[in-house]
Amino acid sequence: MAETQYSSQNEDNSREERLNESIGNSRSEEGFITRYILNTRTVTEGERLKRVVFGKKDENKPHKTILIVGETGTGKSTIINAMVTYMLGVGSEDRIWCEIIETKENQTYSQTNAVTVYDVFTKHSPFSLTFIDTPGFGSTEGINKDIKIAESLLELFRSEDGVSEIDAVCFVVTSLTSRCTERQRYVFNAVLSLFGRDVDKNIVVFITHASRKPNNAIKAIKESKIPCAQDDRGEPVYFRFDNSHCEDFNDEGLFGDYQASWDLLKTTMENFLTFLNEIKPINMKLTVAVLRSRKQLTSSIFNLKDKIKYNELKQRELEQTKEALQKHEREKDNNNFECTVDEAYKEKVPIEYRWWHFGSKEATCCTVCEENCHYPGCWWVRDLSWCSVMSGGNCTVCTGRCHYTKHVKEGKIYQGKTRKVRKTMEDLKQKYETKSDKTKSLIIRLEDEIAEQENEKIRLVEECYQCVVKLEEIALNTDSVYTLHHLDFLIEKVKETGNTDRVQRLEEIKERADDKQLAQARQWFSAMCH
C-alpha cells in the first residue's frame, strides 16, 4: 500500500515538474481553473502572415499540420487551445487551462487579419502539431478580408519556409447548427476553392459546444453535401468538442460536468490523432500548381469574353460599312461615297467595382496586345514575373503571349468601345485594296473580313468553353462564382455557333451550381460595392 502511494506521489511530482517546465514561466490567472497564457516566440510577423512557435522542435517526432476554418464566433481559438492543453499532458485533476491564443482578447474581435501559424512542440506529446488559424471567413469586415485570407494561405503554401503538406482541413461549426446557412456554405466554398480535387478525404468537421451527439449538425452537414471524409457507414467524419473545460465553474458541485468535458476532450483527441495517422497528407506544392493553373484558366475566361465582345463590335463596324457601300453602289454614286459607322476601339478606363470582381483594384494588362491578362484578382503581387498568369517569363493569356516586361499592373483596364467615324471611298481603298489583288470589289473584301471575324469568334467561343470545362474538372467545388458569372454569356454565344452538345454540357454545369449560394455571393459582393 505504501509502495502504491509512493508511486502515485512520484507520478504527481513528475507531472508537476513536467508542467512547470512547460508553463512555469507563463503568465497565469488564478481561479477554479488556473489559466496560463503560454510564452511563445514570434518568428514571422507581417500584414498577411504570422508564425508563432511554442517549445523546441524534436526532429524525431512525427509532425502533423491542420488547417482550421469557420465563421467568426464558432470557437476555433478554443479548439486550438484545447489541443495544446492536451498535448502538454494536462489532466482534469490539474485544473489548468493553457492558451496559445488569448481568448479574452479574442472574444469581441477577430484577433488579427493575418493567417497565423502555430508550431507546437512539447516534450510530453509523442507528436508535434502545426495549426493554421484563419481569421473568421464571412466576418462583418466583408469580402475584401476573405480575399486576403485566401491569398495569405496561397502565399504560405508557395513560400520556401511555408507549409508543404496539410494533413487535415477542419471546418468548425456549432452543435446548434440545424442547417448550413448560406454564410456557412460561402465559408466552406471559399476554402474549398483553394484546393484541387481528391482532397475530400482530408476534410473533417469539428463540432463545438457538443456535450452530446449533435444529430442536427450532422444532418445539416449531410444535407449540404459538403465534400468531406466519410466513415464506413457513409457518415461525415466529425469530432466533438464541449468548449466548457476552460470555463471557471466556481462551484465544486459542478465538478462532474467539468470532468465529463475533459473526458470528451481526451476521447476526441485520441480519435482525431488516429485519423491523422491513417490519412495521407495533401501535397500543397501540387495544390499551388493546381491553383496557378486555375488562375490562368479563370483569367483566360475573362480575357476571351473581352475578345468576343470586341470581335462583335468589329463585325458591327464591318456590317455597317458594307451596308453603306451597297447602298451607294445601288445609287451609282461611288465617287462621292461617304458614310458614318461605329468604329471599334480600345480605351483604358479606371477599374469600377463589380460584385464579381472580388474587390480587385488593379489589373495586369499587356501594352502590346492591349488586353487585360489578369483581372480580376491581381492585387498583391509586386513583381509581374510572379503574377500567376506568367509562365517562364511569358504571359499565358494575351494573344501574343508577350514577355512580362510588356505588361503593367495598375488601376485601369482595357475596354472595348465605339465612336462615330466618317469613312470615304479613299479610306476604304487604302484599307482593303492590296497591290497583289485589285480585281476583288470592296464589298467582297468586306465580306471576306466579316467571315474571318466570324470564324475568329467561333474559335474564341470554343477556347472559352474549353477553359470553363477544364476549370470545372480541376476544381473541388464546381460552382465557382468566377465561372458561374460567365455561364449565361457563354451559353448564349455557344448557342449562336449551333453546337448543341456544348450547350448541354454548360447547362449541366450550371444546374450543378446552387442558385441560392450564387445569389448569396452576389448579395455579399454587391454590398461591397456601396
Protein backbone atom coordinates (compact mmCIF):
# COMPACT_ATOMS: atom_id res chain seq x y z
CA MET A 1 0.00 0.00 0.00
CA ALA A 2 2.82 2.36 0.94
CA GLU A 3 4.57 1.48 -2.32
CA THR A 4 1.40 2.37 -4.30
CA GLN A 5 1.08 5.70 -2.51
CA TYR A 6 4.76 6.41 -3.18
CA SER A 7 4.32 5.55 -6.88
CA SER A 8 1.27 7.81 -7.14
CA GLN A 9 3.10 10.63 -5.38
CA ASN A 10 6.06 10.08 -7.70
CA GLU A 11 3.78 10.40 -10.75
CA ASP A 12 2.23 13.56 -9.32
CA ASN A 13 5.67 15.06 -8.74
CA SER A 14 6.75 14.05 -12.24
CA ARG A 15 3.62 15.62 -13.74
CA GLU A 16 4.13 18.79 -11.72
CA GLU A 17 7.76 19.04 -12.81
CA ARG A 18 6.82 18.46 -16.45
CA LEU A 19 4.06 21.06 -16.41
CA ASN A 20 6.25 23.52 -14.55
CA GLU A 21 8.96 23.07 -17.20
CA SER A 22 6.46 23.80 -19.97
CA ILE A 23 4.31 26.54 -18.46
CA GLY A 24 6.06 27.62 -15.27
CA ASN A 25 7.24 30.93 -16.71
CA SER A 26 3.92 31.71 -18.42
CA ARG A 27 1.56 34.43 -17.23
CA SER A 28 -1.30 32.96 -15.20
CA GLU A 29 -4.73 33.88 -13.85
CA GLU A 30 -5.92 32.07 -10.72
CA GLY A 31 -9.43 30.65 -10.30
CA PHE A 32 -11.25 27.33 -10.13
CA ILE A 33 -9.09 26.72 -13.18
CA THR A 34 -5.68 28.34 -13.43
CA ARG A 35 -5.41 29.89 -16.87
CA TYR A 36 -1.90 30.04 -18.36
CA ILE A 37 -1.08 32.34 -21.28
CA LEU A 38 1.78 30.43 -22.87
CA ASN A 39 5.08 32.11 -23.60
CA THR A 40 5.70 31.87 -27.32
CA ARG A 41 8.15 33.37 -29.76
CA THR A 42 7.08 35.03 -32.98
CA VAL A 43 9.36 34.08 -35.87
CA THR A 44 7.37 35.78 -38.64
CA GLU A 45 5.10 38.77 -38.34
CA GLY A 46 3.71 40.51 -41.38
CA GLU A 47 0.49 42.06 -42.52
CA ARG A 48 -0.60 38.84 -44.20
CA LEU A 49 1.19 36.05 -42.31
CA LYS A 50 2.27 35.46 -38.75
CA ARG A 51 4.14 32.44 -37.35
CA VAL A 52 4.35 31.62 -33.66
CA VAL A 53 6.40 28.83 -32.07
CA PHE A 54 5.93 27.17 -28.69
CA GLY A 55 8.57 24.76 -27.43
CA LYS A 56 11.60 23.26 -29.14
CA LYS A 57 11.29 21.09 -32.22
CA ASP A 58 12.23 17.42 -31.98
CA GLU A 59 13.12 16.13 -35.46
CA ASN A 60 12.50 12.53 -34.34
CA LYS A 61 8.82 13.11 -33.60
CA PRO A 62 6.12 12.77 -36.27
CA HIS A 63 4.62 16.08 -37.33
CA LYS A 64 1.07 16.88 -38.43
CA THR A 65 -0.40 20.08 -39.87
CA ILE A 66 -4.06 21.05 -39.71
CA LEU A 67 -5.94 23.97 -41.23
CA ILE A 68 -8.82 25.25 -39.10
CA VAL A 69 -11.54 27.34 -40.70
CA GLY A 70 -15.00 28.51 -39.81
CA GLU A 71 -17.20 31.51 -39.26
CA THR A 72 -16.27 34.11 -36.68
CA GLY A 73 -17.51 33.01 -33.25
CA THR A 74 -17.66 29.25 -33.81
CA GLY A 75 -14.87 28.54 -31.31
CA LYS A 76 -11.78 27.96 -33.46
CA SER A 77 -9.42 29.53 -30.91
CA THR A 78 -10.83 27.44 -28.06
CA ILE A 79 -10.30 24.25 -30.08
CA ILE A 80 -6.65 25.11 -30.74
CA ASN A 81 -6.10 25.93 -27.06
CA ALA A 82 -7.79 22.66 -26.04
CA MET A 83 -5.49 20.66 -28.31
CA VAL A 84 -2.41 22.43 -26.99
CA THR A 85 -3.53 21.81 -23.41
CA TYR A 86 -3.97 18.12 -24.23
CA MET A 87 -0.52 17.99 -25.86
CA LEU A 88 1.02 19.37 -22.67
CA GLY A 89 -0.33 16.38 -20.76
CA VAL A 90 -2.71 18.39 -18.61
CA GLY A 91 -5.41 16.37 -16.86
CA SER A 92 -8.69 17.37 -15.28
CA GLU A 93 -7.18 16.98 -11.80
CA ASP A 94 -4.64 19.71 -12.60
CA ARG A 95 -7.38 22.31 -13.10
CA ILE A 96 -5.16 24.00 -15.65
CA TRP A 97 -6.08 25.57 -18.96
CA CYS A 98 -3.38 26.66 -21.41
CA GLU A 99 -3.82 29.26 -24.09
CA ILE A 100 -1.57 29.79 -27.07
CA ILE A 101 -4.30 32.17 -28.32
CA GLU A 102 -5.52 34.52 -25.61
CA THR A 103 -9.29 34.11 -25.86
CA LYS A 104 -10.24 37.07 -23.66
CA GLU A 105 -8.67 39.37 -26.23
CA ASN A 106 -10.35 37.41 -28.97
CA GLN A 107 -13.95 37.42 -27.77
CA THR A 108 -15.21 40.63 -29.33
CA TYR A 109 -12.96 40.95 -32.36
CA SER A 110 -11.15 38.58 -34.66
CA GLN A 111 -7.68 39.00 -33.19
CA THR A 112 -5.76 39.52 -36.40
CA ASN A 113 -6.28 39.93 -40.08
CA ALA A 114 -3.25 37.74 -40.71
CA VAL A 115 -3.30 33.99 -41.17
CA THR A 116 -1.42 32.69 -38.12
CA VAL A 117 0.64 29.51 -37.99
CA TYR A 118 1.21 27.96 -34.56
CA ASP A 119 4.02 25.40 -34.32
CA VAL A 120 3.57 23.46 -31.08
CA PHE A 121 6.38 21.26 -29.75
CA THR A 122 6.02 19.61 -26.33
CA LYS A 123 8.15 17.05 -24.53
CA HIS A 124 5.18 15.09 -23.24
CA SER A 125 3.43 14.58 -26.56
CA PRO A 126 4.67 11.82 -28.91
CA PHE A 127 3.95 14.12 -31.86
CA SER A 128 4.12 17.79 -32.80
CA LEU A 129 1.37 19.82 -34.40
CA THR A 130 1.15 22.88 -36.62
CA PHE A 131 -2.14 24.75 -36.54
CA ILE A 132 -3.04 27.14 -39.36
CA ASP A 133 -5.54 29.53 -37.82
CA THR A 134 -7.58 31.65 -40.20
CA PRO A 135 -9.41 34.81 -39.17
CA GLY A 136 -13.13 34.19 -39.50
CA PHE A 137 -14.31 33.95 -43.07
CA GLY A 138 -17.57 35.77 -43.71
CA SER A 139 -17.00 38.32 -40.95
CA THR A 140 -18.61 41.74 -40.92
CA GLU A 141 -15.41 43.14 -42.39
CA GLY A 142 -16.55 41.80 -45.73
CA ILE A 143 -15.27 40.09 -48.83
CA ASN A 144 -12.04 42.11 -49.02
CA LYS A 145 -10.85 40.40 -45.85
CA ASP A 146 -11.86 37.00 -47.20
CA ILE A 147 -9.82 37.57 -50.36
CA LYS A 148 -6.79 38.47 -48.27
CA ILE A 149 -7.20 35.30 -46.19
CA ALA A 150 -7.24 33.14 -49.33
CA GLU A 151 -4.24 34.96 -50.81
CA SER A 152 -2.36 34.70 -47.49
CA LEU A 153 -2.91 30.94 -47.45
CA LEU A 154 -1.66 30.70 -51.02
CA GLU A 155 1.44 32.68 -50.05
CA LEU A 156 2.00 30.33 -47.10
CA PHE A 157 1.76 27.26 -49.34
CA ARG A 158 4.11 28.56 -52.02
CA SER A 159 6.89 30.07 -49.85
CA GLU A 160 10.11 28.13 -49.20
CA ASP A 161 9.72 28.20 -45.40
CA GLY A 162 5.94 27.87 -45.54
CA VAL A 163 3.75 24.79 -45.30
CA SER A 164 4.36 21.98 -47.78
CA GLU A 165 1.76 19.49 -46.51
CA ILE A 166 -1.61 19.61 -44.77
CA ASP A 167 -2.95 16.52 -43.04
CA ALA A 168 -6.45 17.76 -42.31
CA VAL A 169 -8.76 20.63 -43.20
CA CYS A 170 -11.09 21.13 -40.24
CA PHE A 171 -14.36 23.02 -40.67
CA VAL A 172 -15.73 24.33 -37.39
CA VAL A 173 -19.48 24.55 -36.76
CA THR A 174 -21.51 24.66 -33.55
CA SER A 175 -23.83 21.92 -32.31
CA LEU A 176 -26.71 24.40 -32.67
CA THR A 177 -26.36 24.19 -36.45
CA SER A 178 -29.63 22.74 -37.74
CA ARG A 179 -28.91 23.62 -41.35
CA CYS A 180 -25.92 25.06 -43.13
CA THR A 181 -26.65 28.71 -43.74
CA GLU A 182 -25.70 30.48 -46.95
CA ARG A 183 -22.97 32.20 -44.97
CA GLN A 184 -21.52 28.87 -43.80
CA ARG A 185 -21.69 27.45 -47.31
CA TYR A 186 -19.87 30.54 -48.53
CA VAL A 187 -17.14 29.92 -45.93
CA PHE A 188 -16.80 26.27 -46.91
CA ASN A 189 -16.60 27.03 -50.61
CA ALA A 190 -14.17 29.91 -50.09
CA VAL A 191 -11.76 27.40 -48.56
CA LEU A 192 -12.54 24.53 -50.92
CA SER A 193 -11.68 26.83 -53.81
CA LEU A 194 -8.07 26.72 -52.58
CA PHE A 195 -7.78 23.01 -53.28
CA GLY A 196 -7.97 20.70 -56.26
CA ARG A 197 -9.96 17.51 -56.41
CA ASP A 198 -9.34 14.36 -54.36
CA VAL A 199 -8.82 16.13 -51.02
CA ASP A 200 -12.25 15.42 -49.55
CA LYS A 201 -10.78 12.51 -47.53
CA ASN A 202 -8.71 15.05 -45.60
CA ILE A 203 -11.68 17.27 -44.77
CA VAL A 204 -13.36 16.75 -41.40
CA VAL A 205 -15.86 18.63 -39.26
CA PHE A 206 -15.22 19.95 -35.75
CA ILE A 207 -18.49 20.46 -33.85
CA THR A 208 -18.22 22.78 -30.85
CA HIS A 209 -20.41 23.03 -27.72
CA ALA A 210 -21.33 19.40 -28.32
CA SER A 211 -21.60 17.64 -24.96
CA ARG A 212 -24.00 15.19 -26.62
CA LYS A 213 -24.18 13.72 -30.09
CA PRO A 214 -25.05 16.69 -32.33
CA ASN A 215 -27.62 14.98 -34.56
CA ASN A 216 -28.93 18.22 -36.05
CA ALA A 217 -25.46 19.45 -37.00
CA ILE A 218 -24.56 16.09 -38.56
CA LYS A 219 -27.80 16.13 -40.55
CA ALA A 220 -27.06 19.68 -41.72
CA ILE A 221 -23.60 18.67 -42.93
CA LYS A 222 -25.03 15.72 -44.85
CA GLU A 223 -27.81 17.76 -46.45
CA SER A 224 -25.40 20.50 -47.50
CA LYS A 225 -23.37 17.89 -49.45
CA ILE A 226 -20.12 19.48 -48.36
CA PRO A 227 -17.22 17.30 -49.60
CA CYS A 228 -15.64 15.64 -46.57
CA ALA A 229 -14.27 12.35 -45.26
CA GLN A 230 -16.82 9.62 -44.56
CA ASP A 231 -16.81 6.65 -42.22
CA ASP A 232 -17.68 3.06 -43.14
CA ARG A 233 -21.40 3.88 -42.95
CA GLY A 234 -21.09 6.82 -45.30
CA GLU A 235 -21.49 9.32 -42.46
CA PRO A 236 -19.41 12.54 -42.30
CA VAL A 237 -16.30 12.21 -40.15
CA TYR A 238 -16.70 14.64 -37.26
CA PHE A 239 -15.15 15.33 -33.86
CA ARG A 240 -16.95 16.78 -30.84
CA PHE A 241 -15.66 19.50 -28.54
CA ASP A 242 -17.52 20.62 -25.41
CA ASN A 243 -15.77 24.01 -25.09
CA SER A 244 -16.66 24.21 -21.39
CA HIS A 245 -13.50 22.71 -19.90
CA CYS A 246 -11.94 26.17 -19.96
CA GLU A 247 -14.81 27.81 -18.07
CA ASP A 248 -14.43 28.98 -14.49
CA PHE A 249 -17.08 26.83 -12.79
CA ASN A 250 -16.68 28.44 -9.33
CA ASP A 251 -18.71 25.61 -7.85
CA GLU A 252 -17.35 22.28 -6.63
CA GLY A 253 -20.81 20.83 -7.23
CA LEU A 254 -20.24 21.19 -10.97
CA PHE A 255 -17.03 19.18 -10.94
CA GLY A 256 -18.85 16.28 -12.61
CA ASP A 257 -19.64 18.45 -15.63
CA TYR A 258 -16.06 19.67 -15.67
CA GLN A 259 -14.76 16.08 -15.58
CA ALA A 260 -17.13 14.99 -18.36
CA SER A 261 -15.86 17.83 -20.54
CA TRP A 262 -12.26 16.69 -20.04
CA ASP A 263 -13.15 13.07 -20.72
CA LEU A 264 -14.73 14.13 -24.02
CA LEU A 265 -11.61 16.11 -24.96
CA LYS A 266 -9.41 13.09 -24.25
CA THR A 267 -11.60 10.78 -26.36
CA THR A 268 -11.87 13.31 -29.19
CA MET A 269 -8.13 13.88 -29.32
CA GLU A 270 -7.37 10.16 -29.32
CA ASN A 271 -9.80 9.61 -32.21
CA PHE A 272 -8.55 12.64 -34.13
CA LEU A 273 -4.92 11.58 -33.79
CA THR A 274 -5.84 8.12 -35.05
CA PHE A 275 -7.44 9.78 -38.07
CA LEU A 276 -4.31 11.90 -38.67
CA ASN A 277 -2.06 8.86 -38.51
CA GLU A 278 -4.12 6.98 -41.09
CA ILE A 279 -4.72 9.74 -43.64
CA LYS A 280 -2.36 10.64 -46.47
CA PRO A 281 -1.38 14.34 -46.34
CA ILE A 282 -2.20 16.86 -49.07
CA ASN A 283 0.88 17.94 -51.01
CA MET A 284 0.47 21.71 -51.02
CA LYS A 285 3.14 22.23 -53.68
CA LEU A 286 0.94 20.28 -56.09
CA THR A 287 -2.07 22.24 -54.85
CA VAL A 288 -0.26 25.51 -55.59
CA ALA A 289 0.36 24.26 -59.13
CA VAL A 290 -3.35 23.48 -59.48
CA LEU A 291 -4.24 26.89 -58.08
CA ARG A 292 -1.92 28.57 -60.55
CA SER A 293 -3.49 26.63 -63.41
CA ARG A 294 -6.95 27.61 -62.23
CA LYS A 295 -6.00 31.28 -62.00
CA GLN A 296 -4.64 31.13 -65.53
CA LEU A 297 -7.84 29.50 -66.78
CA THR A 298 -10.02 31.98 -64.92
CA SER A 299 -8.04 34.91 -66.33
CA SER A 300 -8.29 33.38 -69.80
CA ILE A 301 -12.08 33.21 -69.47
CA PHE A 302 -12.27 36.91 -68.62
CA ASN A 303 -9.83 37.75 -71.41
CA LEU A 304 -11.69 35.66 -74.00
CA LYS A 305 -15.00 37.19 -73.03
CA ASP A 306 -13.50 40.63 -73.69
CA LYS A 307 -12.18 39.44 -77.07
CA ILE A 308 -15.57 38.03 -78.07
CA LYS A 309 -17.28 41.31 -77.22
CA TYR A 310 -14.66 43.30 -79.13
CA ASN A 311 -14.98 40.93 -82.07
CA GLU A 312 -18.71 41.63 -82.17
CA LEU A 313 -18.05 45.38 -82.20
CA LYS A 314 -15.66 44.91 -85.15
CA GLN A 315 -18.23 42.83 -87.02
CA ARG A 316 -20.84 45.51 -86.42
CA GLU A 317 -18.48 48.14 -87.86
CA LEU A 318 -17.83 46.00 -90.95
CA GLU A 319 -21.52 45.28 -91.49
CA GLN A 320 -22.34 48.99 -91.29
CA THR A 321 -19.60 49.79 -93.83
CA LYS A 322 -20.78 47.02 -96.17
CA GLU A 323 -24.43 48.14 -96.00
CA ALA A 324 -23.48 51.77 -96.70
CA LEU A 325 -21.29 50.71 -99.64
CA GLN A 326 -24.05 48.53 -101.11
CA LYS A 327 -26.49 51.41 -100.84
CA HIS A 328 -24.14 53.76 -102.71
CA GLU A 329 -23.48 51.14 -105.39
CA ARG A 330 -27.21 50.83 -105.97
CA GLU A 331 -27.40 54.60 -106.29
CA LYS A 332 -24.36 54.55 -108.65
CA ASP A 333 -22.71 57.33 -106.68
CA ASN A 334 -19.41 55.65 -105.79
CA ASN A 335 -17.21 58.68 -106.37
CA ASN A 336 -18.93 60.69 -103.65
CA PHE A 337 -19.12 57.80 -101.19
CA GLU A 338 -19.09 58.77 -97.53
CA CYS A 339 -20.59 57.03 -94.51
CA THR A 340 -20.62 57.19 -90.72
CA VAL A 341 -20.00 53.97 -88.79
CA ASP A 342 -19.48 52.87 -85.19
CA GLU A 343 -15.73 52.25 -85.20
CA ALA A 344 -14.47 49.77 -82.59
CA TYR A 345 -11.51 50.82 -80.48
CA LYS A 346 -9.96 50.10 -77.08
CA GLU A 347 -9.55 52.60 -74.29
CA LYS A 348 -8.02 52.30 -70.84
CA VAL A 349 -10.54 53.16 -68.16
CA PRO A 350 -10.39 53.23 -64.33
CA ILE A 351 -11.48 49.99 -62.66
CA GLU A 352 -15.01 50.10 -61.31
CA TYR A 353 -16.34 47.73 -58.65
CA ARG A 354 -18.49 44.86 -59.74
CA TRP A 355 -19.89 42.17 -57.45
CA TRP A 356 -17.78 39.50 -59.18
CA HIS A 357 -14.52 41.47 -59.07
CA PHE A 358 -13.77 40.26 -55.53
CA GLY A 359 -12.58 43.72 -54.50
CA SER A 360 -9.88 43.91 -57.18
CA LYS A 361 -8.40 47.37 -57.61
CA GLU A 362 -5.63 46.56 -60.07
CA ALA A 363 -5.13 44.54 -63.22
CA THR A 364 -2.20 43.12 -65.17
CA CYS A 365 -2.51 44.33 -68.77
CA CYS A 366 -0.47 43.77 -71.93
CA THR A 367 0.57 47.05 -73.55
CA VAL A 368 1.34 45.30 -76.86
CA CYS A 369 -1.88 43.31 -77.31
CA GLU A 370 -3.91 45.90 -75.39
CA GLU A 371 -5.60 43.17 -73.37
CA ASN A 372 -6.49 42.52 -69.74
CA CYS A 373 -4.43 39.46 -68.80
CA HIS A 374 -5.11 39.08 -65.08
CA TYR A 375 -8.30 40.68 -63.95
CA PRO A 376 -9.96 40.45 -61.54
CA GLY A 377 -7.83 39.01 -58.76
CA CYS A 378 -4.45 40.69 -59.36
CA TRP A 379 -3.81 42.96 -56.41
CA TRP A 380 -0.93 41.83 -54.22
CA VAL A 381 1.97 40.71 -56.44
CA ARG A 382 4.69 43.34 -56.84
CA ASP A 383 6.95 41.69 -59.44
CA LEU A 384 4.90 40.83 -62.53
CA SER A 385 7.14 37.86 -63.26
CA TRP A 386 5.45 36.30 -60.19
CA CYS A 387 1.94 37.00 -61.47
CA SER A 388 0.03 33.73 -61.69
CA VAL A 389 -0.72 34.21 -65.40
CA MET A 390 3.01 34.25 -66.21
CA SER A 391 4.90 31.08 -67.04
CA GLY A 392 8.58 31.03 -67.94
CA GLY A 393 8.53 34.82 -68.09
CA ASN A 394 5.74 34.99 -70.67
CA CYS A 395 2.02 35.61 -70.34
CA THR A 396 -0.27 32.60 -70.77
CA VAL A 397 -3.31 34.76 -71.52
CA CYS A 398 -2.69 37.59 -74.01
CA THR A 399 -2.86 36.89 -77.74
CA GLY A 400 0.86 37.44 -78.36
CA ARG A 401 1.96 35.52 -75.23
CA CYS A 402 4.16 38.55 -74.56
CA HIS A 403 7.01 38.85 -72.03
CA TYR A 404 6.06 40.05 -68.57
CA THR A 405 8.07 43.26 -69.14
CA LYS A 406 5.50 44.23 -71.78
CA HIS A 407 2.83 44.22 -69.08
CA VAL A 408 1.81 46.77 -66.47
CA LYS A 409 -0.17 46.49 -63.24
CA GLU A 410 -2.36 49.47 -62.50
CA GLY A 411 -5.86 50.55 -61.58
CA LYS A 412 -7.03 50.62 -65.20
CA ILE A 413 -8.25 48.07 -67.73
CA TYR A 414 -8.77 47.99 -71.48
CA GLN A 415 -12.39 48.33 -72.52
CA GLY A 416 -13.88 47.90 -75.98
CA LYS A 417 -15.82 50.96 -77.10
CA THR A 418 -17.23 52.53 -80.27
CA ARG A 419 -17.05 56.02 -81.71
CA LYS A 420 -18.72 57.65 -84.69
CA VAL A 421 -16.24 57.87 -87.60
CA ARG A 422 -16.71 59.15 -91.17
CA LYS A 423 -15.28 56.99 -93.96
CA THR A 424 -14.72 57.83 -97.64
CA MET A 425 -14.07 55.69 -100.69
CA GLU A 426 -10.38 56.58 -100.44
CA ASP A 427 -10.30 55.37 -96.82
CA LEU A 428 -11.75 52.01 -97.83
CA LYS A 429 -9.40 51.57 -100.78
CA GLN A 430 -6.35 52.28 -98.62
CA LYS A 431 -7.52 49.77 -96.02
CA TYR A 432 -8.82 46.91 -98.15
CA GLU A 433 -7.15 47.07 -101.58
CA THR A 434 -3.83 45.27 -101.98
CA LYS A 435 -1.19 45.63 -104.68
CA SER A 436 -1.33 41.92 -105.46
CA ASP A 437 -5.10 41.74 -106.00
CA LYS A 438 -7.10 44.71 -107.22
CA THR A 439 -9.75 42.65 -109.00
CA LYS A 440 -11.91 41.99 -105.94
CA SER A 441 -14.59 44.53 -105.23
CA LEU A 442 -14.59 46.33 -101.89
CA ILE A 443 -17.84 44.60 -100.93
CA ILE A 444 -16.31 41.14 -101.46
CA ARG A 445 -13.28 42.18 -99.43
CA LEU A 446 -15.55 43.37 -96.62
CA GLU A 447 -17.50 40.09 -96.76
CA ASP A 448 -14.22 38.16 -96.53
CA GLU A 449 -13.19 40.10 -93.43
CA ILE A 450 -16.62 39.65 -91.87
CA ALA A 451 -16.27 35.88 -92.43
CA GLU A 452 -12.79 35.94 -90.88
CA GLN A 453 -14.14 37.78 -87.85
CA GLU A 454 -16.98 35.28 -87.51
CA ASN A 455 -14.55 32.34 -87.69
CA GLU A 456 -12.36 34.04 -85.10
CA LYS A 457 -15.38 34.49 -82.85
CA ILE A 458 -16.24 30.78 -83.14
CA ARG A 459 -12.63 29.94 -82.23
CA LEU A 460 -12.72 32.28 -79.21
CA VAL A 461 -16.03 30.83 -78.00
CA GLU A 462 -14.63 27.29 -78.31
CA GLU A 463 -11.47 28.26 -76.43
CA CYS A 464 -13.55 29.88 -73.69
CA TYR A 465 -15.71 26.75 -73.47
CA GLN A 466 -12.64 24.53 -73.11
CA CYS A 467 -11.33 26.77 -70.30
CA VAL A 468 -14.62 26.53 -68.39
CA VAL A 469 -14.73 22.73 -68.75
CA LYS A 470 -11.11 22.32 -67.68
CA LEU A 471 -11.62 24.69 -64.75
CA GLU A 472 -14.54 22.59 -63.57
CA GLU A 473 -12.52 19.38 -63.91
CA ILE A 474 -9.70 20.52 -61.61
CA ALA A 475 -11.79 22.37 -59.02
CA LEU A 476 -13.11 20.60 -55.94
CA ASN A 477 -16.23 22.74 -55.84
CA THR A 478 -17.79 23.07 -59.28
CA ASP A 479 -19.86 26.15 -58.52
CA SER A 480 -17.05 28.68 -58.70
CA VAL A 481 -18.57 32.15 -58.67
CA TYR A 482 -15.92 33.21 -61.18
CA THR A 483 -17.17 30.58 -63.63
CA LEU A 484 -20.86 30.96 -62.90
CA HIS A 485 -20.82 34.66 -63.64
CA HIS A 486 -19.86 33.90 -67.24
CA LEU A 487 -22.00 30.82 -67.89
CA ASP A 488 -25.07 32.67 -69.18
CA PHE A 489 -22.92 34.73 -71.54
CA LEU A 490 -21.04 31.68 -72.80
CA ILE A 491 -24.18 29.57 -73.21
CA GLU A 492 -25.68 32.31 -75.38
CA LYS A 493 -22.56 32.50 -77.57
CA VAL A 494 -22.25 28.72 -77.93
CA LYS A 495 -25.91 28.59 -78.99
CA GLU A 496 -25.04 31.03 -81.78
CA THR A 497 -22.45 28.55 -83.08
CA GLY A 498 -25.11 25.82 -83.23
CA ASN A 499 -23.14 23.32 -81.13
CA THR A 500 -25.93 21.71 -79.08
CA ASP A 501 -23.59 19.27 -77.29
CA ARG A 502 -21.53 22.15 -75.94
CA VAL A 503 -24.68 23.98 -74.82
CA GLN A 504 -25.91 20.88 -72.97
CA ARG A 505 -22.58 20.47 -71.14
CA LEU A 506 -22.66 24.10 -70.00
CA GLU A 507 -26.28 23.77 -68.89
CA GLU A 508 -25.30 20.74 -66.79
CA ILE A 509 -22.52 22.72 -65.11
CA LYS A 510 -24.98 25.48 -64.38
CA GLU A 511 -27.55 23.06 -62.95
CA ARG A 512 -24.98 21.60 -60.56
CA ALA A 513 -24.44 25.05 -59.11
CA ASP A 514 -26.50 26.08 -56.13
CA ASP A 515 -28.63 29.05 -57.17
CA LYS A 516 -29.09 30.11 -53.57
CA GLN A 517 -25.36 30.15 -52.97
CA LEU A 518 -24.76 32.19 -56.12
CA ALA A 519 -27.46 34.64 -55.08
CA GLN A 520 -25.86 34.95 -51.65
CA ALA A 521 -22.44 35.55 -53.20
CA ARG A 522 -23.90 38.25 -55.43
CA GLN A 523 -25.53 39.86 -52.41
CA TRP A 524 -22.24 39.87 -50.49
CA PHE A 525 -20.21 41.26 -53.35
CA SER A 526 -22.87 43.81 -54.24
CA ALA A 527 -22.80 45.07 -50.67
CA MET A 528 -19.08 45.65 -51.01
CA CYS A 529 -19.66 47.97 -53.94
CA HIS A 530 -21.62 50.52 -51.94
